[in-house]
Amino acid sequence: MRLVKYTGYGNAAGLLASRGLMHGGQGNMGKYSSESEESDTEEYSKAKDQINIVTGQMEPPHTDPLVGMTEEQKEYEAMRLVEQLDKLTRDGIVQPMRVGEDGRPMAVEHILQLQEGAGRASPPPGDDDDDN
């Protein structure tokens, strides 16, 4: 936990991967360090809110990029994002995944597969039994 806390997720993953230590839980199952808040140093505790958890670097607070945008502008930007993600998927750079029954990631071959398990947590609207 301390490795991630002080270096960021991305840097910790890169370090472990470069050393061949990312085996999907196949390796040493012991804990590297405590997940306790007590492991925080005083300096870390003071700067915790400014630390980017991916890079491990301190960053100044960011302003909300959506402030001042109209709903049309937000929708336009959302569609641009969808188009960019679609291109990344078609080019094979990223692959959509979902969590399978066994708890492991499994590839999604069609967008409808993402919707298959989406309604399991709560019933669809209008399906309330309290209306009787």
N, C-alpha and C. Protein backbone atom coordinates (compact mmCIF):
# COMPACT_ATOMS: atom_id res chain seq x y z
N MET A 1 0.82 -1.18 0.00
CA MET A 1 0.00 0.00 0.00
C MET A 1 0.87 1.26 0.00
N ARG A 2 1.96 1.23 0.76
CA ARG A 2 2.82 2.40 0.81
C ARG A 2 3.46 2.68 -0.54
N LEU A 3 3.82 1.64 -1.27
CA LEU A 3 4.41 1.83 -2.59
C LEU A 3 3.48 2.64 -3.47
N VAL A 4 2.20 2.26 -3.50
CA VAL A 4 1.22 2.98 -4.31
C VAL A 4 0.99 4.37 -3.75
N LYS A 5 0.88 4.47 -2.44
CA LYS A 5 0.58 5.75 -1.80
C LYS A 5 1.63 6.80 -2.13
N TYR A 6 2.89 6.42 -2.11
CA TYR A 6 3.95 7.40 -2.29
C TYR A 6 4.46 7.54 -3.72
N THR A 7 4.09 6.60 -4.61
CA THR A 7 4.56 6.71 -6.00
C THR A 7 3.43 6.91 -6.99
N GLY A 8 2.20 6.55 -6.62
CA GLY A 8 1.06 6.63 -7.54
C GLY A 8 0.83 5.27 -8.18
N TYR A 9 -0.42 5.02 -8.60
CA TYR A 9 -0.78 3.74 -9.21
C TYR A 9 0.05 3.44 -10.46
N GLY A 10 0.12 4.44 -11.35
CA GLY A 10 0.82 4.22 -12.62
C GLY A 10 2.28 3.88 -12.44
N ASN A 11 2.97 4.63 -11.60
CA ASN A 11 4.39 4.37 -11.38
C ASN A 11 4.62 3.04 -10.67
N ALA A 12 3.77 2.71 -9.70
CA ALA A 12 3.91 1.44 -8.99
C ALA A 12 3.68 0.27 -9.95
N ALA A 13 2.65 0.38 -10.78
CA ALA A 13 2.36 -0.69 -11.75
C ALA A 13 3.51 -0.83 -12.74
N GLY A 14 4.04 0.27 -13.21
CA GLY A 14 5.17 0.22 -14.15
C GLY A 14 6.38 -0.42 -13.53
N LEU A 15 6.67 -0.07 -12.29
CA LEU A 15 7.82 -0.64 -11.59
C LEU A 15 7.65 -2.15 -11.42
N LEU A 16 6.49 -2.57 -10.95
CA LEU A 16 6.25 -3.99 -10.75
C LEU A 16 6.25 -4.76 -12.06
N ALA A 17 5.65 -4.19 -13.10
CA ALA A 17 5.61 -4.86 -14.40
C ALA A 17 7.01 -4.99 -14.98
N SER A 18 7.83 -3.96 -14.85
CA SER A 18 9.18 -4.02 -15.42
C SER A 18 10.04 -5.06 -14.72
N ARG A 19 9.67 -5.42 -13.51
CA ARG A 19 10.41 -6.43 -12.75
C ARG A 19 9.74 -7.80 -12.84
N GLY A 20 8.69 -7.91 -13.65
CA GLY A 20 8.00 -9.18 -13.82
C GLY A 20 7.21 -9.61 -12.61
N LEU A 21 6.74 -8.65 -11.82
CA LEU A 21 6.05 -8.98 -10.58
C LEU A 21 4.54 -8.83 -10.65
N MET A 22 3.99 -8.57 -11.83
CA MET A 22 2.54 -8.45 -11.95
C MET A 22 1.99 -9.72 -12.58
N HIS A 23 1.69 -10.70 -11.74
CA HIS A 23 1.19 -11.98 -12.22
C HIS A 23 -0.27 -12.20 -11.88
N GLY A 24 -1.01 -11.15 -11.72
CA GLY A 24 -2.44 -11.30 -11.43
C GLY A 24 -2.71 -12.02 -10.14
N GLY A 25 -1.91 -11.77 -9.13
CA GLY A 25 -2.13 -12.40 -7.84
C GLY A 25 -1.54 -13.79 -7.74
N GLN A 26 -0.77 -14.24 -8.72
CA GLN A 26 -0.22 -15.58 -8.70
C GLN A 26 1.02 -15.70 -7.82
N GLY A 27 1.64 -14.57 -7.54
CA GLY A 27 2.89 -14.60 -6.79
C GLY A 27 2.67 -14.60 -5.29
N ASN A 28 3.51 -13.89 -4.58
CA ASN A 28 3.46 -13.81 -3.14
C ASN A 28 2.14 -13.18 -2.70
N MET A 29 1.36 -13.91 -1.92
CA MET A 29 0.05 -13.42 -1.50
C MET A 29 0.13 -12.65 -0.18
N GLY A 30 1.33 -12.53 0.39
CA GLY A 30 1.49 -11.78 1.64
C GLY A 30 1.35 -10.30 1.37
N LYS A 31 1.08 -9.56 2.42
CA LYS A 31 0.93 -8.11 2.27
C LYS A 31 2.30 -7.46 2.32
N TYR A 32 2.51 -6.51 1.42
CA TYR A 32 3.77 -5.77 1.38
C TYR A 32 3.86 -4.81 2.55
N SER A 33 2.77 -4.12 2.81
CA SER A 33 2.75 -3.17 3.91
C SER A 33 1.32 -2.97 4.40
N SER A 34 1.19 -2.33 5.50
CA SER A 34 -0.10 -2.10 6.12
C SER A 34 -0.93 -1.12 5.29
N GLU A 35 -2.24 -1.32 5.28
CA GLU A 35 -3.15 -0.38 4.63
C GLU A 35 -3.65 0.65 5.62
N SER A 36 -3.09 0.65 6.78
CA SER A 36 -3.52 1.53 7.85
C SER A 36 -3.20 2.98 7.54
N GLU A 37 -4.08 3.87 7.98
CA GLU A 37 -3.83 5.31 7.85
C GLU A 37 -2.64 5.72 8.70
N GLU A 38 -2.27 4.89 9.67
CA GLU A 38 -1.15 5.21 10.55
C GLU A 38 0.18 5.21 9.80
N SER A 39 0.21 4.64 8.61
CA SER A 39 1.46 4.61 7.84
C SER A 39 1.74 5.94 7.15
N ASP A 40 0.77 6.86 7.19
CA ASP A 40 0.96 8.18 6.59
C ASP A 40 1.99 8.98 7.38
N THR A 41 2.92 9.58 6.67
CA THR A 41 3.84 10.50 7.33
C THR A 41 3.12 11.83 7.52
N GLU A 42 3.64 12.66 8.37
CA GLU A 42 3.02 13.97 8.61
C GLU A 42 3.00 14.79 7.32
N GLU A 43 4.11 14.73 6.57
CA GLU A 43 4.21 15.47 5.31
C GLU A 43 3.17 14.98 4.30
N TYR A 44 3.01 13.65 4.22
CA TYR A 44 2.03 13.08 3.29
C TYR A 44 0.61 13.48 3.70
N SER A 45 0.32 13.42 4.97
CA SER A 45 -1.02 13.76 5.45
C SER A 45 -1.39 15.19 5.09
N LYS A 46 -0.43 16.11 5.18
CA LYS A 46 -0.71 17.50 4.85
C LYS A 46 -0.95 17.70 3.37
N ALA A 47 -0.26 16.95 2.52
CA ALA A 47 -0.33 17.14 1.07
C ALA A 47 -1.26 16.16 0.38
N LYS A 48 -1.90 15.27 1.12
CA LYS A 48 -2.69 14.18 0.55
C LYS A 48 -3.70 14.63 -0.51
N ASP A 49 -4.38 15.74 -0.28
CA ASP A 49 -5.41 16.22 -1.20
C ASP A 49 -4.84 16.77 -2.50
N GLN A 50 -3.55 17.08 -2.53
CA GLN A 50 -2.93 17.64 -3.73
C GLN A 50 -2.17 16.60 -4.53
N ILE A 51 -2.12 15.35 -4.05
CA ILE A 51 -1.33 14.31 -4.71
C ILE A 51 -2.20 13.57 -5.72
N ASN A 52 -1.72 13.52 -6.95
CA ASN A 52 -2.37 12.76 -8.01
C ASN A 52 -2.12 11.29 -7.73
N ILE A 53 -3.17 10.49 -7.52
CA ILE A 53 -2.99 9.09 -7.13
C ILE A 53 -2.44 8.22 -8.25
N VAL A 54 -2.48 8.69 -9.48
CA VAL A 54 -1.93 7.91 -10.59
C VAL A 54 -0.44 8.15 -10.75
N THR A 55 -0.01 9.40 -10.69
CA THR A 55 1.40 9.72 -10.91
C THR A 55 2.19 9.85 -9.63
N GLY A 56 1.53 10.08 -8.50
CA GLY A 56 2.22 10.27 -7.25
C GLY A 56 2.80 11.67 -7.09
N GLN A 57 2.50 12.57 -8.00
CA GLN A 57 3.04 13.93 -7.95
C GLN A 57 2.03 14.89 -7.33
N MET A 58 2.57 15.93 -6.69
CA MET A 58 1.71 16.99 -6.17
C MET A 58 1.29 17.88 -7.33
N GLU A 59 0.01 18.18 -7.39
CA GLU A 59 -0.51 19.03 -8.45
C GLU A 59 -1.38 20.12 -7.83
N PRO A 60 -1.37 21.30 -8.43
CA PRO A 60 -2.27 22.34 -7.92
C PRO A 60 -3.72 21.94 -8.19
N PRO A 61 -4.65 22.46 -7.41
CA PRO A 61 -6.06 22.12 -7.64
C PRO A 61 -6.50 22.54 -9.05
N HIS A 62 -7.31 21.70 -9.65
CA HIS A 62 -7.80 21.96 -11.00
C HIS A 62 -9.20 22.55 -10.93
N THR A 63 -9.49 23.42 -11.87
CA THR A 63 -10.85 23.95 -11.96
C THR A 63 -11.69 23.00 -12.80
N ASP A 64 -12.97 23.01 -12.59
CA ASP A 64 -13.88 22.15 -13.34
C ASP A 64 -13.94 22.63 -14.79
N PRO A 65 -13.52 21.81 -15.76
CA PRO A 65 -13.52 22.25 -17.15
C PRO A 65 -14.91 22.46 -17.74
N LEU A 66 -15.93 21.95 -17.07
CA LEU A 66 -17.30 22.08 -17.59
C LEU A 66 -17.98 23.37 -17.15
N VAL A 67 -17.36 24.09 -16.22
CA VAL A 67 -17.95 25.34 -15.73
C VAL A 67 -17.99 26.34 -16.89
N GLY A 68 -19.14 26.95 -17.09
CA GLY A 68 -19.28 27.95 -18.14
C GLY A 68 -19.68 27.39 -19.50
N MET A 69 -19.76 26.07 -19.62
CA MET A 69 -20.16 25.47 -20.90
C MET A 69 -21.67 25.31 -20.95
N THR A 70 -22.24 25.49 -22.13
CA THR A 70 -23.68 25.25 -22.30
C THR A 70 -23.90 23.74 -22.39
N GLU A 71 -25.15 23.33 -22.26
CA GLU A 71 -25.48 21.90 -22.39
C GLU A 71 -25.11 21.38 -23.78
N GLU A 72 -25.27 22.21 -24.80
CA GLU A 72 -24.92 21.81 -26.17
C GLU A 72 -23.42 21.58 -26.29
N GLN A 73 -22.62 22.47 -25.67
CA GLN A 73 -21.17 22.30 -25.71
C GLN A 73 -20.75 21.03 -24.98
N LYS A 74 -21.38 20.76 -23.85
CA LYS A 74 -21.06 19.54 -23.10
C LYS A 74 -21.40 18.30 -23.92
N GLU A 75 -22.56 18.33 -24.59
CA GLU A 75 -22.96 17.20 -25.42
C GLU A 75 -22.00 17.01 -26.59
N TYR A 76 -21.57 18.12 -27.20
CA TYR A 76 -20.61 18.05 -28.30
C TYR A 76 -19.30 17.40 -27.83
N GLU A 77 -18.80 17.83 -26.67
CA GLU A 77 -17.55 17.27 -26.14
C GLU A 77 -17.72 15.79 -25.78
N ALA A 78 -18.89 15.43 -25.26
CA ALA A 78 -19.16 14.02 -24.94
C ALA A 78 -19.14 13.17 -26.20
N MET A 79 -19.73 13.68 -27.27
CA MET A 79 -19.74 12.93 -28.54
C MET A 79 -18.33 12.81 -29.11
N ARG A 80 -17.53 13.86 -28.97
CA ARG A 80 -16.13 13.78 -29.42
C ARG A 80 -15.39 12.68 -28.67
N LEU A 81 -15.64 12.58 -27.36
CA LEU A 81 -15.02 11.55 -26.54
C LEU A 81 -15.46 10.17 -26.99
N VAL A 82 -16.74 10.01 -27.25
CA VAL A 82 -17.27 8.72 -27.73
C VAL A 82 -16.59 8.34 -29.04
N GLU A 83 -16.46 9.29 -29.96
CA GLU A 83 -15.83 9.01 -31.25
C GLU A 83 -14.36 8.62 -31.07
N GLN A 84 -13.66 9.29 -30.16
CA GLN A 84 -12.25 8.96 -29.93
C GLN A 84 -12.10 7.58 -29.30
N LEU A 85 -12.98 7.24 -28.35
CA LEU A 85 -12.93 5.91 -27.75
C LEU A 85 -13.27 4.84 -28.77
N ASP A 86 -14.24 5.13 -29.65
CA ASP A 86 -14.60 4.19 -30.70
C ASP A 86 -13.43 3.93 -31.62
N LYS A 87 -12.70 4.97 -31.99
CA LYS A 87 -11.53 4.82 -32.86
C LYS A 87 -10.45 3.98 -32.18
N LEU A 88 -10.21 4.24 -30.88
CA LEU A 88 -9.22 3.46 -30.14
C LEU A 88 -9.61 1.99 -30.09
N THR A 89 -10.89 1.73 -29.94
CA THR A 89 -11.38 0.35 -29.90
C THR A 89 -11.24 -0.31 -31.27
N ARG A 90 -11.67 0.37 -32.33
CA ARG A 90 -11.57 -0.18 -33.68
C ARG A 90 -10.13 -0.44 -34.09
N ASP A 91 -9.21 0.42 -33.65
CA ASP A 91 -7.80 0.26 -33.99
C ASP A 91 -7.10 -0.77 -33.11
N GLY A 92 -7.82 -1.34 -32.14
CA GLY A 92 -7.25 -2.37 -31.29
C GLY A 92 -6.34 -1.85 -30.19
N ILE A 93 -6.38 -0.56 -29.93
CA ILE A 93 -5.52 0.03 -28.91
C ILE A 93 -6.08 -0.24 -27.52
N VAL A 94 -7.40 -0.16 -27.37
CA VAL A 94 -8.06 -0.52 -26.11
C VAL A 94 -9.14 -1.54 -26.43
N GLN A 95 -9.47 -2.35 -25.44
CA GLN A 95 -10.53 -3.33 -25.62
C GLN A 95 -11.48 -3.24 -24.44
N PRO A 96 -12.76 -3.03 -24.71
CA PRO A 96 -13.73 -2.98 -23.61
C PRO A 96 -13.77 -4.32 -22.88
N MET A 97 -13.92 -4.25 -21.56
CA MET A 97 -13.98 -5.44 -20.73
C MET A 97 -15.13 -5.30 -19.75
N ARG A 98 -15.52 -6.39 -19.17
CA ARG A 98 -16.47 -6.39 -18.07
C ARG A 98 -16.06 -7.49 -17.11
N VAL A 99 -16.58 -7.44 -15.91
CA VAL A 99 -16.23 -8.45 -14.92
C VAL A 99 -17.11 -9.66 -15.14
N GLY A 100 -16.48 -10.81 -15.30
CA GLY A 100 -17.21 -12.06 -15.53
C GLY A 100 -17.75 -12.65 -14.25
N GLU A 101 -18.46 -13.77 -14.36
CA GLU A 101 -19.04 -14.46 -13.21
C GLU A 101 -17.98 -14.88 -12.21
N ASP A 102 -16.77 -15.17 -12.70
CA ASP A 102 -15.69 -15.61 -11.82
C ASP A 102 -14.92 -14.45 -11.21
N GLY A 103 -15.35 -13.21 -11.52
CA GLY A 103 -14.70 -12.04 -10.96
C GLY A 103 -13.51 -11.54 -11.76
N ARG A 104 -13.22 -12.20 -12.87
CA ARG A 104 -12.09 -11.80 -13.71
C ARG A 104 -12.58 -11.00 -14.91
N PRO A 105 -11.73 -10.12 -15.44
CA PRO A 105 -12.12 -9.34 -16.62
C PRO A 105 -12.29 -10.26 -17.83
N MET A 106 -13.31 -9.99 -18.63
CA MET A 106 -13.50 -10.74 -19.87
C MET A 106 -13.81 -9.76 -20.99
N ALA A 107 -13.30 -10.06 -22.16
CA ALA A 107 -13.46 -9.17 -23.31
C ALA A 107 -14.92 -9.05 -23.71
N VAL A 108 -15.30 -7.87 -24.16
CA VAL A 108 -16.64 -7.60 -24.65
C VAL A 108 -16.54 -7.54 -26.18
N GLU A 109 -17.34 -8.34 -26.84
CA GLU A 109 -17.29 -8.35 -28.30
C GLU A 109 -18.36 -7.47 -28.92
N HIS A 110 -19.40 -7.16 -28.16
CA HIS A 110 -20.48 -6.31 -28.66
C HIS A 110 -20.95 -5.41 -27.52
N ILE A 111 -21.33 -4.21 -27.84
CA ILE A 111 -21.72 -3.22 -26.84
C ILE A 111 -22.89 -3.70 -25.98
N LEU A 112 -23.77 -4.52 -26.53
CA LEU A 112 -24.92 -5.01 -25.76
C LEU A 112 -24.49 -5.90 -24.60
N GLN A 113 -23.30 -6.49 -24.68
CA GLN A 113 -22.81 -7.30 -23.57
C GLN A 113 -22.58 -6.44 -22.32
N LEU A 114 -22.29 -5.18 -22.51
CA LEU A 114 -22.09 -4.29 -21.37
C LEU A 114 -23.40 -4.03 -20.64
N GLN A 115 -24.51 -4.09 -21.37
CA GLN A 115 -25.81 -3.82 -20.77
C GLN A 115 -26.42 -5.05 -20.13
N GLU A 116 -25.93 -6.25 -20.44
CA GLU A 116 -26.52 -7.48 -19.92
C GLU A 116 -26.59 -7.51 -18.40
N GLY A 117 -25.52 -7.15 -17.73
CA GLY A 117 -25.49 -7.21 -16.28
C GLY A 117 -25.76 -5.88 -15.61
N ALA A 118 -26.04 -4.87 -16.38
CA ALA A 118 -26.19 -3.52 -15.82
C ALA A 118 -27.40 -3.41 -14.91
N GLY A 119 -28.48 -4.12 -15.17
CA GLY A 119 -29.71 -3.99 -14.39
C GLY A 119 -29.80 -4.94 -13.22
N ARG A 120 -28.77 -5.74 -12.97
CA ARG A 120 -28.86 -6.73 -11.89
C ARG A 120 -28.92 -6.09 -10.51
N ALA A 121 -28.25 -4.98 -10.32
CA ALA A 121 -28.18 -4.37 -9.00
C ALA A 121 -29.50 -3.77 -8.56
N SER A 122 -30.27 -3.23 -9.49
CA SER A 122 -31.55 -2.63 -9.13
C SER A 122 -32.57 -2.95 -10.21
N PRO A 123 -33.83 -3.10 -9.82
CA PRO A 123 -34.87 -3.41 -10.81
C PRO A 123 -35.10 -2.23 -11.74
N PRO A 124 -35.57 -2.50 -12.96
CA PRO A 124 -35.85 -1.41 -13.89
C PRO A 124 -36.95 -0.51 -13.36
N PRO A 125 -36.99 0.76 -13.78
CA PRO A 125 -38.05 1.67 -13.31
C PRO A 125 -39.42 1.13 -13.65
N GLY A 126 -40.37 1.31 -12.72
CA GLY A 126 -41.73 0.84 -12.97
C GLY A 126 -41.95 -0.59 -12.55
N ASP A 127 -40.92 -1.26 -12.00
CA ASP A 127 -41.01 -2.64 -11.60
C ASP A 127 -41.20 -2.78 -10.08
N ASP A 128 -41.70 -1.74 -9.44
CA ASP A 128 -41.86 -1.73 -7.99
C ASP A 128 -43.04 -2.59 -7.58
N ASP A 129 -42.85 -3.42 -6.54
CA ASP A 129 -43.92 -4.25 -6.02
C ASP A 129 -44.77 -3.48 -5.02
N ASP A 130 -44.33 -2.30 -4.62
CA ASP A 130 -45.04 -1.51 -3.61
C ASP A 130 -46.32 -0.86 -4.17
N ASP A 131 -46.50 -0.88 -5.48
CA ASP A 131 -47.65 -0.22 -6.10
C ASP A 131 -48.95 -1.00 -5.94
N ASN A 132 -48.88 -2.26 -5.48
CA ASN A 132 -50.08 -3.10 -5.40
C ASN A 132 -50.96 -2.72 -4.27
